[in-house]
Amino acid sequence: MSDSDNHKGYKKEDSYDLETTETLQGFYSKIISTLGEDVEREGLVKTPERIAKAMQYITQGYGQDAEAVVRSAMFEEPFSEMVIVKDIEIYSMCEHHMLPFIGRAHVAYIPNKHIVGLSKIARVVDIYARRLQVQERLTNQILQCLQDTLQPFGVAVVIEASHLCMMMRGVQKQNSVTTTSAFTGEFQKQETREEFISLITARLHG
């Protein structure tokens, strides 16, 4: 299904599965009505369809293969120093309350004969983030994908995120940040891990 919008030279096109959109649209219409709103009023009449399409986009990672993405851009290279991609934006959905958590991922690896295009590391993060998630699992999935495909001397992943399920409901702590980390290989050594932490906290790019 194609959703396009042309207005004063602006063109937007997105593709969605028609059957999935219609099914989700029906569910969200019932949810809105059950909450006490009039789904037929002007401001809400197209909301079920919009949510149906938004949820397909937010969870598109289920249909993507992170390991295939890495393998598509692997190169032989005798470089064996730490490679870090930091401050990768994360937008994911907590599977417990279906509310977003937003933050940053810092990913590093030490090559063992192979390197990968840097943009692919960010793509791996996105693929796993675009699913119903918990931050702990997301951290480990990113780590395991890079370890299994590149087979480097080590991988390190740190994620810092704010969870709307804590900010909007429950304890309502607006300033809380959750940090998770996972390490393999050389990054399990204190000296290497400390170097990684020092580099991701430094503002070398200004």
C-alpha atoms as a PDB file:
ATOM      1  CA  MET A   1       0.000   0.000   0.000  1.00  0.00           C
ATOM      2  CA  SER A   2       1.340   3.451  -0.870  1.00  0.00           C
ATOM      3  CA  ASP A   3       0.473   6.550   1.122  1.00  0.00           C
ATOM      4  CA  SER A   4       1.346   9.690  -0.851  1.00  0.00           C
ATOM      5  CA  ASP A   5       0.694  13.360  -0.220  1.00  0.00           C
ATOM      6  CA  ASN A   6       1.250  16.103  -2.802  1.00  0.00           C
ATOM      7  CA  HIS A   7       0.898  19.704  -1.668  1.00  0.00           C
ATOM      8  CA  LYS A   8       2.708  22.741  -3.068  1.00  0.00           C
ATOM      9  CA  GLY A   9       5.574  20.697  -4.445  1.00  0.00           C
ATOM     10  CA  TYR A  10       5.825  18.425  -1.394  1.00  0.00           C
ATOM     11  CA  LYS A  11       5.651  14.705  -2.087  1.00  0.00           C
ATOM     12  CA  LYS A  12       5.613  12.033   0.589  1.00  0.00           C
ATOM     13  CA  GLU A  13       5.452   8.320  -0.124  1.00  0.00           C
ATOM     14  CA  ASP A  14       5.451   5.487   2.403  1.00  0.00           C
ATOM     15  CA  SER A  15       4.609   1.842   1.854  1.00  0.00           C
ATOM     16  CA  TYR A  16       2.518  -0.226   4.250  1.00  0.00           C
ATOM     17  CA  ASP A  17       0.901  -3.630   4.182  1.00  0.00           C
ATOM     18  CA  LEU A  18      -2.772  -3.021   3.369  1.00  0.00           C
ATOM     19  CA  GLU A  19      -4.148  -5.988   5.330  1.00  0.00           C
ATOM     20  CA  THR A  20      -2.068  -5.165   8.418  1.00  0.00           C
ATOM     21  CA  THR A  21      -3.081  -1.508   8.242  1.00  0.00           C
ATOM     22  CA  GLU A  22      -6.778  -2.331   8.045  1.00  0.00           C
ATOM     23  CA  THR A  23      -6.574  -4.852  10.908  1.00  0.00           C
ATOM     24  CA  LEU A  24      -4.684  -2.479  13.208  1.00  0.00           C
ATOM     25  CA  GLN A  25      -6.948   0.396  12.231  1.00  0.00           C
ATOM     26  CA  GLY A  26      -9.976  -1.555  13.456  1.00  0.00           C
ATOM     27  CA  PHE A  27      -8.310  -2.376  16.761  1.00  0.00           C
ATOM     28  CA  TYR A  28      -7.260   1.225  17.417  1.00  0.00           C
ATOM     29  CA  SER A  29     -10.713   2.509  16.536  1.00  0.00           C
ATOM     30  CA  LYS A  30     -12.170   0.232  19.224  1.00  0.00           C
ATOM     31  CA  ILE A  31      -9.519   1.303  21.734  1.00  0.00           C
ATOM     32  CA  ILE A  32     -10.259   5.000  21.200  1.00  0.00           C
ATOM     33  CA  SER A  33     -14.002   4.391  21.543  1.00  0.00           C
ATOM     34  CA  THR A  34     -13.499   2.267  24.674  1.00  0.00           C
ATOM     35  CA  LEU A  35     -11.508   5.095  26.265  1.00  0.00           C
ATOM     36  CA  GLY A  36     -14.593   7.302  25.918  1.00  0.00           C
ATOM     37  CA  GLU A  37     -13.759   9.322  22.797  1.00  0.00           C
ATOM     38  CA  ASP A  38     -15.797   9.847  19.656  1.00  0.00           C
ATOM     39  CA  VAL A  39     -13.752   8.240  16.915  1.00  0.00           C
ATOM     40  CA  GLU A  40     -15.923   9.973  14.296  1.00  0.00           C
ATOM     41  CA  ARG A  41     -15.103  13.524  15.345  1.00  0.00           C
ATOM     42  CA  GLU A  42     -12.919  15.549  12.993  1.00  0.00           C
ATOM     43  CA  GLY A  43      -9.694  15.392  14.990  1.00  0.00           C
ATOM     44  CA  LEU A  44      -9.859  11.623  15.448  1.00  0.00           C
ATOM     45  CA  VAL A  45     -11.476  10.295  12.283  1.00  0.00           C
ATOM     46  CA  LYS A  46      -8.116   9.448  10.653  1.00  0.00           C
ATOM     47  CA  THR A  47      -6.239   8.696  13.880  1.00  0.00           C
ATOM     48  CA  PRO A  48      -6.709   4.886  13.833  1.00  0.00           C
ATOM     49  CA  GLU A  49      -5.175   4.716  10.357  1.00  0.00           C
ATOM     50  CA  ARG A  50      -2.319   7.011  11.357  1.00  0.00           C
ATOM     51  CA  ILE A  51      -1.520   4.889  14.429  1.00  0.00           C
ATOM     52  CA  ALA A  52      -1.704   1.700  12.356  1.00  0.00           C
ATOM     53  CA  LYS A  53       0.885   3.069   9.938  1.00  0.00           C
ATOM     54  CA  ALA A  54       3.037   4.542  12.706  1.00  0.00           C
ATOM     55  CA  MET A  55       3.197   1.209  14.533  1.00  0.00           C
ATOM     56  CA  GLN A  56       4.285  -0.586  11.379  1.00  0.00           C
ATOM     57  CA  TYR A  57       7.116   1.917  10.981  1.00  0.00           C
ATOM     58  CA  ILE A  58       8.111   1.765  14.655  1.00  0.00           C
ATOM     59  CA  THR A  59       8.320  -2.045  14.553  1.00  0.00           C
ATOM     60  CA  GLN A  60       9.830  -2.468  11.080  1.00  0.00           C
ATOM     61  CA  GLY A  61      12.893  -4.119  12.605  1.00  0.00           C
ATOM     62  CA  TYR A  62      11.027  -7.437  12.729  1.00  0.00           C
ATOM     63  CA  GLY A  63      11.285  -7.677   8.956  1.00  0.00           C
ATOM     64  CA  GLN A  64      14.981  -6.778   8.751  1.00  0.00           C
ATOM     65  CA  ASP A  65      18.099  -8.935   9.137  1.00  0.00           C
ATOM     66  CA  ALA A  66      20.824  -7.144  11.099  1.00  0.00           C
ATOM     67  CA  GLU A  67      23.478  -9.771  10.403  1.00  0.00           C
ATOM     68  CA  ALA A  68      22.835  -9.524   6.653  1.00  0.00           C
ATOM     69  CA  VAL A  69      23.310  -5.747   6.888  1.00  0.00           C
ATOM     70  CA  VAL A  70      26.723  -6.195   8.502  1.00  0.00           C
ATOM     71  CA  ARG A  71      27.832  -8.849   6.012  1.00  0.00           C
ATOM     72  CA  SER A  72      26.863  -6.583   3.119  1.00  0.00           C
ATOM     73  CA  ALA A  73      29.611  -4.120   4.082  1.00  0.00           C
ATOM     74  CA  MET A  74      32.428  -6.208   5.550  1.00  0.00           C
ATOM     75  CA  PHE A  75      35.947  -5.551   4.279  1.00  0.00           C
ATOM     76  CA  GLU A  76      39.289  -7.221   4.909  1.00  0.00           C
ATOM     77  CA  GLU A  77      41.594  -4.743   6.608  1.00  0.00           C
ATOM     78  CA  PRO A  78      44.684  -5.284   8.825  1.00  0.00           C
ATOM     79  CA  PHE A  79      43.468  -2.647  11.301  1.00  0.00           C
ATOM     80  CA  SER A  80      43.294  -3.879  14.885  1.00  0.00           C
ATOM     81  CA  GLU A  81      42.700  -0.775  17.008  1.00  0.00           C
ATOM     82  CA  MET A  82      39.452   0.142  18.713  1.00  0.00           C
ATOM     83  CA  VAL A  83      36.667   1.460  16.459  1.00  0.00           C
ATOM     84  CA  ILE A  84      33.913   3.450  18.193  1.00  0.00           C
ATOM     85  CA  VAL A  85      30.631   4.841  16.925  1.00  0.00           C
ATOM     86  CA  LYS A  86      29.053   6.844  19.719  1.00  0.00           C
ATOM     87  CA  ASP A  87      25.906   8.892  20.301  1.00  0.00           C
ATOM     88  CA  ILE A  88      23.756   6.750  17.990  1.00  0.00           C
ATOM     89  CA  GLU A  89      20.183   7.917  18.544  1.00  0.00           C
ATOM     90  CA  ILE A  90      17.754   5.276  19.776  1.00  0.00           C
ATOM     91  CA  TYR A  91      13.967   5.366  19.521  1.00  0.00           C
ATOM     92  CA  SER A  92      12.352   2.169  20.748  1.00  0.00           C
ATOM     93  CA  MET A  93       9.166   0.882  22.374  1.00  0.00           C
ATOM     94  CA  CYS A  94       9.078  -0.673  25.827  1.00  0.00           C
ATOM     95  CA  GLU A  95       7.290  -4.005  25.489  1.00  0.00           C
ATOM     96  CA  HIS A  96       5.749  -3.752  28.960  1.00  0.00           C
ATOM     97  CA  HIS A  97       3.635  -0.609  28.460  1.00  0.00           C
ATOM     98  CA  MET A  98       4.051   0.126  24.729  1.00  0.00           C
ATOM     99  CA  LEU A  99       5.561   3.510  25.530  1.00  0.00           C
ATOM    100  CA  PRO A 100       8.762   4.859  23.965  1.00  0.00           C
ATOM    101  CA  PHE A 101      12.226   4.902  25.421  1.00  0.00           C
ATOM    102  CA  ILE A 102      14.688   7.304  23.862  1.00  0.00           C
ATOM    103  CA  GLY A 103      18.439   7.578  24.214  1.00  0.00           C
ATOM    104  CA  ARG A 104      21.874   6.951  22.773  1.00  0.00           C
ATOM    105  CA  ALA A 105      23.987   3.903  22.025  1.00  0.00           C
ATOM    106  CA  HIS A 106      27.781   3.776  22.060  1.00  0.00           C
ATOM    107  CA  VAL A 107      29.245   0.826  20.167  1.00  0.00           C
ATOM    108  CA  ALA A 108      32.863  -0.288  19.773  1.00  0.00           C
ATOM    109  CA  TYR A 109      34.738  -3.259  18.407  1.00  0.00           C
ATOM    110  CA  ILE A 110      38.352  -4.307  17.922  1.00  0.00           C
ATOM    111  CA  PRO A 111      38.739  -5.688  14.379  1.00  0.00           C
ATOM    112  CA  ASN A 112      40.120  -9.127  13.687  1.00  0.00           C
ATOM    113  CA  LYS A 113      40.946  -9.018   9.944  1.00  0.00           C
ATOM    114  CA  HIS A 114      37.570  -7.465   9.052  1.00  0.00           C
ATOM    115  CA  ILE A 115      35.998  -4.040   9.466  1.00  0.00           C
ATOM    116  CA  VAL A 116      32.460  -2.922   8.646  1.00  0.00           C
ATOM    117  CA  GLY A 117      31.075   0.272   7.116  1.00  0.00           C
ATOM    118  CA  LEU A 118      30.385   2.636  10.016  1.00  0.00           C
ATOM    119  CA  SER A 119      26.827   3.408   8.929  1.00  0.00           C
ATOM    120  CA  LYS A 120      26.018  -0.303   9.230  1.00  0.00           C
ATOM    121  CA  ILE A 121      26.650  -0.177  12.965  1.00  0.00           C
ATOM    122  CA  ALA A 122      24.002   2.513  13.288  1.00  0.00           C
ATOM    123  CA  ARG A 123      21.696   0.408  11.092  1.00  0.00           C
ATOM    124  CA  VAL A 124      22.143  -2.589  13.394  1.00  0.00           C
ATOM    125  CA  VAL A 125      21.146  -0.426  16.355  1.00  0.00           C
ATOM    126  CA  ASP A 126      18.065   0.783  14.470  1.00  0.00           C
ATOM    127  CA  ILE A 127      16.975  -2.691  13.383  1.00  0.00           C
ATOM    128  CA  TYR A 128      16.902  -4.016  16.931  1.00  0.00           C
ATOM    129  CA  ALA A 129      15.481  -0.780  18.366  1.00  0.00           C
ATOM    130  CA  ARG A 130      12.552  -0.864  15.904  1.00  0.00           C
ATOM    131  CA  ARG A 131      10.918  -3.729  17.784  1.00  0.00           C
ATOM    132  CA  LEU A 132       9.087  -4.126  21.076  1.00  0.00           C
ATOM    133  CA  GLN A 133      12.034  -4.130  23.433  1.00  0.00           C
ATOM    134  CA  VAL A 134      13.582  -3.974  26.844  1.00  0.00           C
ATOM    135  CA  GLN A 135      16.832  -2.036  27.070  1.00  0.00           C
ATOM    136  CA  GLU A 136      18.770  -4.980  28.456  1.00  0.00           C
ATOM    137  CA  ARG A 137      17.873  -7.239  25.514  1.00  0.00           C
ATOM    138  CA  LEU A 138      18.534  -4.475  22.984  1.00  0.00           C
ATOM    139  CA  THR A 139      22.050  -4.029  24.389  1.00  0.00           C
ATOM    140  CA  ASN A 140      22.827  -7.734  24.102  1.00  0.00           C
ATOM    141  CA  GLN A 141      21.317  -8.124  20.620  1.00  0.00           C
ATOM    142  CA  ILE A 142      23.524  -5.371  19.189  1.00  0.00           C
ATOM    143  CA  LEU A 143      26.579  -6.890  20.855  1.00  0.00           C
ATOM    144  CA  GLN A 144      25.830 -10.449  19.720  1.00  0.00           C
ATOM    145  CA  CYS A 145      25.145  -9.423  16.121  1.00  0.00           C
ATOM    146  CA  LEU A 146      28.528  -7.728  15.761  1.00  0.00           C
ATOM    147  CA  GLN A 147      30.349 -10.511  17.594  1.00  0.00           C
ATOM    148  CA  ASP A 148      28.803 -13.250  15.446  1.00  0.00           C
ATOM    149  CA  THR A 149      29.314 -11.531  12.087  1.00  0.00           C
ATOM    150  CA  LEU A 150      32.651  -9.726  12.425  1.00  0.00           C
ATOM    151  CA  GLN A 151      34.187 -12.167  14.922  1.00  0.00           C
ATOM    152  CA  PRO A 152      36.326  -9.336  16.300  1.00  0.00           C
ATOM    153  CA  PHE A 153      38.682  -9.412  19.280  1.00  0.00           C
ATOM    154  CA  GLY A 154      35.890  -7.815  21.299  1.00  0.00           C
ATOM    155  CA  VAL A 155      32.692  -5.772  21.240  1.00  0.00           C
ATOM    156  CA  ALA A 156      31.391  -3.154  23.681  1.00  0.00           C
ATOM    157  CA  VAL A 157      27.899  -1.650  23.831  1.00  0.00           C
ATOM    158  CA  VAL A 158      26.607   0.982  26.247  1.00  0.00           C
ATOM    159  CA  ILE A 159      23.073   2.380  26.055  1.00  0.00           C
ATOM    160  CA  GLU A 160      21.717   5.359  27.992  1.00  0.00           C
ATOM    161  CA  ALA A 161      17.966   5.917  27.731  1.00  0.00           C
ATOM    162  CA  SER A 162      14.996   7.670  29.284  1.00  0.00           C
ATOM    163  CA  HIS A 163      11.819   5.596  29.546  1.00  0.00           C
ATOM    164  CA  LEU A 164       8.435   7.260  29.178  1.00  0.00           C
ATOM    165  CA  CYS A 165       6.856   4.444  31.194  1.00  0.00           C
ATOM    166  CA  MET A 166       8.765   5.881  34.172  1.00  0.00           C
ATOM    167  CA  MET A 167       8.287   9.518  33.194  1.00  0.00           C
ATOM    168  CA  MET A 168       4.573   9.602  32.295  1.00  0.00           C
ATOM    169  CA  ARG A 169       3.161   6.972  34.655  1.00  0.00           C
ATOM    170  CA  GLY A 170       4.109   5.004  37.754  1.00  0.00           C
ATOM    171  CA  VAL A 171       6.878   6.753  39.697  1.00  0.00           C
ATOM    172  CA  GLN A 172       6.866   9.723  37.264  1.00  0.00           C
ATOM    173  CA  LYS A 173      10.585  10.434  37.525  1.00  0.00           C
ATOM    174  CA  GLN A 174      11.287  12.791  34.628  1.00  0.00           C
ATOM    175  CA  ASN A 175      15.057  13.005  35.017  1.00  0.00           C
ATOM    176  CA  SER A 176      15.943   9.337  35.415  1.00  0.00           C
ATOM    177  CA  VAL A 177      18.297   7.700  32.907  1.00  0.00           C
ATOM    178  CA  THR A 178      18.875   3.961  32.603  1.00  0.00           C
ATOM    179  CA  THR A 179      22.324   2.730  31.548  1.00  0.00           C
ATOM    180  CA  THR A 180      23.037  -0.797  30.327  1.00  0.00           C
ATOM    181  CA  SER A 181      26.302  -2.271  29.082  1.00  0.00           C
ATOM    182  CA  ALA A 182      27.670  -5.490  27.617  1.00  0.00           C
ATOM    183  CA  PHE A 183      31.214  -6.535  26.724  1.00  0.00           C
ATOM    184  CA  THR A 184      32.985  -9.421  25.006  1.00  0.00           C
ATOM    185  CA  GLY A 185      36.613 -10.385  24.463  1.00  0.00           C
ATOM    186  CA  GLU A 186      39.214  -7.688  25.023  1.00  0.00           C
ATOM    187  CA  PHE A 187      36.611  -5.338  26.485  1.00  0.00           C
ATOM    188  CA  GLN A 188      36.285  -7.654  29.472  1.00  0.00           C
ATOM    189  CA  LYS A 189      39.751  -6.477  30.480  1.00  0.00           C
ATOM    190  CA  GLN A 190      39.569  -3.473  32.798  1.00  0.00           C
ATOM    191  CA  GLU A 191      42.184  -1.435  30.920  1.00  0.00           C
ATOM    192  CA  THR A 192      40.424  -1.786  27.541  1.00  0.00           C
ATOM    193  CA  ARG A 193      37.012  -1.140  29.045  1.00  0.00           C
ATOM    194  CA  GLU A 194      38.247   1.989  30.804  1.00  0.00           C
ATOM    195  CA  GLU A 195      39.721   3.295  27.530  1.00  0.00           C
ATOM    196  CA  PHE A 196      36.339   2.767  25.838  1.00  0.00           C
ATOM    197  CA  ILE A 197      34.423   4.515  28.638  1.00  0.00           C
ATOM    198  CA  SER A 198      36.906   7.408  28.567  1.00  0.00           C
ATOM    199  CA  LEU A 199      36.486   7.854  24.802  1.00  0.00           C
ATOM    200  CA  ILE A 200      32.679   7.761  24.790  1.00  0.00           C
ATOM    201  CA  THR A 201      32.486  10.325  27.588  1.00  0.00           C
ATOM    202  CA  ALA A 202      35.037  12.668  25.976  1.00  0.00           C
ATOM    203  CA  ARG A 203      33.762  15.402  23.663  1.00  0.00           C
ATOM    204  CA  LEU A 204      36.566  15.137  21.126  1.00  0.00           C
ATOM    205  CA  HIS A 205      34.361  16.403  18.285  1.00  0.00           C
ATOM    206  CA  GLY A 206      33.778  19.708  20.046  1.00  0.00           C
END
